[in-house]
Amino acid sequence: MKQLLEIFESKDYADNDDKTRLEIVDIMGELQKHGSPPEEIMGPLPPGLSMGADGMPNMPDNCVIS
């Protein structure tokens, strides 16, 4: 998390920087290997939403994210 904060808080941060984007993706992938963040960080999930074994939210069948 500290690495991500350092990237996003950097004065040189830019959304369109491909190198930074890849660095963020790599760090996020590493975080996913450790499972879901604790509730103290995430806060409570909305009613009816739970996390799956893969660390991703269990979404209703009719839910579309676009």
N, C-alpha and C. Protein backbone atom coordinates (compact mmCIF):
# COMPACT_ATOMS: atom_id res chain seq x y z
N MET A 1 0.83 -1.19 0.00
CA MET A 1 0.00 0.00 0.00
C MET A 1 0.88 1.25 0.00
N LYS A 2 1.95 1.20 0.76
CA LYS A 2 2.84 2.35 0.83
C LYS A 2 3.40 2.69 -0.55
N GLN A 3 3.75 1.66 -1.31
CA GLN A 3 4.27 1.89 -2.66
C GLN A 3 3.23 2.57 -3.55
N LEU A 4 1.99 2.13 -3.45
CA LEU A 4 0.93 2.74 -4.25
C LEU A 4 0.71 4.20 -3.86
N LEU A 5 0.69 4.46 -2.57
CA LEU A 5 0.51 5.84 -2.12
C LEU A 5 1.65 6.73 -2.61
N GLU A 6 2.86 6.22 -2.57
CA GLU A 6 4.00 7.01 -3.04
C GLU A 6 3.85 7.35 -4.52
N ILE A 7 3.37 6.40 -5.30
CA ILE A 7 3.17 6.65 -6.73
C ILE A 7 2.10 7.72 -6.95
N PHE A 8 0.93 7.52 -6.33
CA PHE A 8 -0.18 8.44 -6.56
C PHE A 8 0.07 9.83 -5.98
N GLU A 9 0.87 9.92 -4.93
CA GLU A 9 1.14 11.22 -4.31
C GLU A 9 2.36 11.92 -4.90
N SER A 10 3.05 11.26 -5.81
CA SER A 10 4.23 11.84 -6.44
C SER A 10 3.83 13.07 -7.27
N LYS A 11 4.66 14.10 -7.21
CA LYS A 11 4.38 15.31 -7.99
C LYS A 11 4.48 15.03 -9.50
N ASP A 12 5.18 13.94 -9.86
CA ASP A 12 5.35 13.59 -11.27
C ASP A 12 4.29 12.61 -11.78
N TYR A 13 3.33 12.23 -10.93
CA TYR A 13 2.33 11.25 -11.33
C TYR A 13 1.48 11.79 -12.48
N ALA A 14 1.23 10.91 -13.45
CA ALA A 14 0.34 11.24 -14.56
C ALA A 14 -0.43 9.98 -14.97
N ASP A 15 -1.73 10.10 -15.15
CA ASP A 15 -2.57 8.96 -15.53
C ASP A 15 -2.14 8.33 -16.85
N ASN A 16 -1.58 9.10 -17.73
CA ASN A 16 -1.25 8.60 -19.07
C ASN A 16 0.17 8.06 -19.19
N ASP A 17 0.88 7.88 -18.09
CA ASP A 17 2.25 7.36 -18.11
C ASP A 17 2.20 5.84 -18.11
N ASP A 18 2.56 5.23 -19.23
CA ASP A 18 2.48 3.77 -19.36
C ASP A 18 3.37 3.04 -18.36
N LYS A 19 4.57 3.56 -18.11
CA LYS A 19 5.48 2.92 -17.16
C LYS A 19 4.87 2.91 -15.76
N THR A 20 4.28 4.02 -15.35
CA THR A 20 3.65 4.09 -14.03
C THR A 20 2.45 3.17 -13.96
N ARG A 21 1.67 3.13 -15.03
CA ARG A 21 0.49 2.26 -15.07
C ARG A 21 0.90 0.80 -14.88
N LEU A 22 1.96 0.36 -15.55
CA LEU A 22 2.43 -1.02 -15.41
C LEU A 22 2.93 -1.29 -13.99
N GLU A 23 3.60 -0.31 -13.41
CA GLU A 23 4.08 -0.46 -12.04
C GLU A 23 2.90 -0.64 -11.07
N ILE A 24 1.85 0.14 -11.28
CA ILE A 24 0.65 0.04 -10.44
C ILE A 24 0.00 -1.33 -10.61
N VAL A 25 -0.12 -1.80 -11.83
CA VAL A 25 -0.72 -3.11 -12.10
C VAL A 25 0.10 -4.21 -11.43
N ASP A 26 1.42 -4.12 -11.50
CA ASP A 26 2.28 -5.12 -10.85
C ASP A 26 2.08 -5.12 -9.34
N ILE A 27 2.02 -3.96 -8.73
CA ILE A 27 1.83 -3.86 -7.28
C ILE A 27 0.45 -4.39 -6.90
N MET A 28 -0.57 -4.04 -7.66
CA MET A 28 -1.93 -4.51 -7.38
C MET A 28 -2.00 -6.04 -7.50
N GLY A 29 -1.31 -6.60 -8.48
CA GLY A 29 -1.26 -8.06 -8.64
C GLY A 29 -0.61 -8.72 -7.44
N GLU A 30 0.46 -8.13 -6.94
CA GLU A 30 1.13 -8.66 -5.76
C GLU A 30 0.20 -8.60 -4.54
N LEU A 31 -0.52 -7.51 -4.40
CA LEU A 31 -1.47 -7.39 -3.29
C LEU A 31 -2.55 -8.47 -3.36
N GLN A 32 -3.04 -8.76 -4.56
CA GLN A 32 -4.09 -9.76 -4.73
C GLN A 32 -3.63 -11.14 -4.29
N LYS A 33 -2.32 -11.42 -4.41
CA LYS A 33 -1.78 -12.71 -4.00
C LYS A 33 -1.99 -12.93 -2.50
N HIS A 34 -2.12 -11.86 -1.75
CA HIS A 34 -2.26 -11.95 -0.31
C HIS A 34 -3.73 -11.97 0.13
N GLY A 35 -4.65 -11.98 -0.82
CA GLY A 35 -6.08 -12.06 -0.49
C GLY A 35 -6.70 -10.69 -0.32
N SER A 36 -7.92 -10.70 0.16
CA SER A 36 -8.67 -9.46 0.34
C SER A 36 -8.08 -8.62 1.46
N PRO A 37 -8.15 -7.30 1.33
CA PRO A 37 -7.70 -6.45 2.42
C PRO A 37 -8.59 -6.62 3.64
N PRO A 38 -8.05 -6.39 4.83
CA PRO A 38 -8.88 -6.52 6.03
C PRO A 38 -9.98 -5.47 6.05
N GLU A 39 -11.06 -5.78 6.77
CA GLU A 39 -12.21 -4.88 6.84
C GLU A 39 -11.81 -3.50 7.38
N GLU A 40 -10.77 -3.45 8.22
CA GLU A 40 -10.32 -2.18 8.77
C GLU A 40 -9.88 -1.21 7.67
N ILE A 41 -9.39 -1.77 6.57
CA ILE A 41 -8.97 -0.94 5.44
C ILE A 41 -10.13 -0.71 4.48
N MET A 42 -10.86 -1.78 4.18
CA MET A 42 -11.95 -1.71 3.20
C MET A 42 -13.19 -1.02 3.73
N GLY A 43 -13.43 -1.16 5.02
CA GLY A 43 -14.70 -0.71 5.56
C GLY A 43 -15.75 -1.77 5.29
N PRO A 44 -16.94 -1.60 5.80
CA PRO A 44 -17.97 -2.62 5.60
C PRO A 44 -18.44 -2.67 4.15
N LEU A 45 -18.75 -3.88 3.71
CA LEU A 45 -19.30 -4.05 2.36
C LEU A 45 -20.76 -3.62 2.37
N PRO A 46 -21.25 -3.19 1.21
CA PRO A 46 -22.68 -2.84 1.14
C PRO A 46 -23.53 -4.07 1.44
N PRO A 47 -24.73 -3.87 1.97
CA PRO A 47 -25.62 -5.00 2.27
C PRO A 47 -25.83 -5.89 1.04
N GLY A 48 -25.73 -7.18 1.25
CA GLY A 48 -25.94 -8.14 0.17
C GLY A 48 -24.72 -8.44 -0.66
N LEU A 49 -23.59 -7.78 -0.40
CA LEU A 49 -22.38 -8.00 -1.18
C LEU A 49 -21.37 -8.75 -0.32
N SER A 50 -20.78 -9.79 -0.89
CA SER A 50 -19.77 -10.56 -0.17
C SER A 50 -18.56 -10.77 -1.07
N MET A 51 -17.45 -11.17 -0.47
CA MET A 51 -16.23 -11.40 -1.23
C MET A 51 -16.08 -12.88 -1.54
N GLY A 52 -15.63 -13.19 -2.74
CA GLY A 52 -15.40 -14.57 -3.14
C GLY A 52 -14.03 -15.04 -2.70
N ALA A 53 -13.74 -16.31 -2.89
CA ALA A 53 -12.46 -16.90 -2.51
C ALA A 53 -11.31 -16.28 -3.30
N ASP A 54 -11.62 -15.73 -4.48
CA ASP A 54 -10.58 -15.11 -5.32
C ASP A 54 -10.29 -13.67 -4.92
N GLY A 55 -10.95 -13.19 -3.88
CA GLY A 55 -10.72 -11.82 -3.43
C GLY A 55 -11.54 -10.78 -4.17
N MET A 56 -12.36 -11.23 -5.09
CA MET A 56 -13.21 -10.32 -5.86
C MET A 56 -14.63 -10.38 -5.29
N PRO A 57 -15.38 -9.29 -5.43
CA PRO A 57 -16.76 -9.30 -4.92
C PRO A 57 -17.63 -10.28 -5.69
N ASN A 58 -18.52 -10.96 -4.97
CA ASN A 58 -19.53 -11.81 -5.61
C ASN A 58 -20.61 -10.88 -6.14
N MET A 59 -20.73 -10.81 -7.45
CA MET A 59 -21.68 -9.91 -8.07
C MET A 59 -22.93 -10.68 -8.49
N PRO A 60 -24.10 -10.07 -8.35
CA PRO A 60 -25.33 -10.70 -8.83
C PRO A 60 -25.24 -10.96 -10.32
N ASP A 61 -25.95 -12.00 -10.79
CA ASP A 61 -25.89 -12.38 -12.20
C ASP A 61 -26.29 -11.24 -13.14
N ASN A 62 -27.21 -10.40 -12.71
CA ASN A 62 -27.69 -9.34 -13.59
C ASN A 62 -26.90 -8.05 -13.45
N CYS A 63 -25.78 -8.08 -12.74
CA CYS A 63 -24.98 -6.87 -12.54
C CYS A 63 -24.02 -6.70 -13.72
N VAL A 64 -24.04 -5.51 -14.30
CA VAL A 64 -23.17 -5.19 -15.42
C VAL A 64 -22.32 -3.99 -15.02
N ILE A 65 -21.00 -4.15 -15.15
CA ILE A 65 -20.09 -3.04 -14.88
C ILE A 65 -19.51 -2.60 -16.21
N SER A 66 -19.71 -1.34 -16.53
CA SER A 66 -19.19 -0.85 -17.80
C SER A 66 -18.51 0.47 -17.63
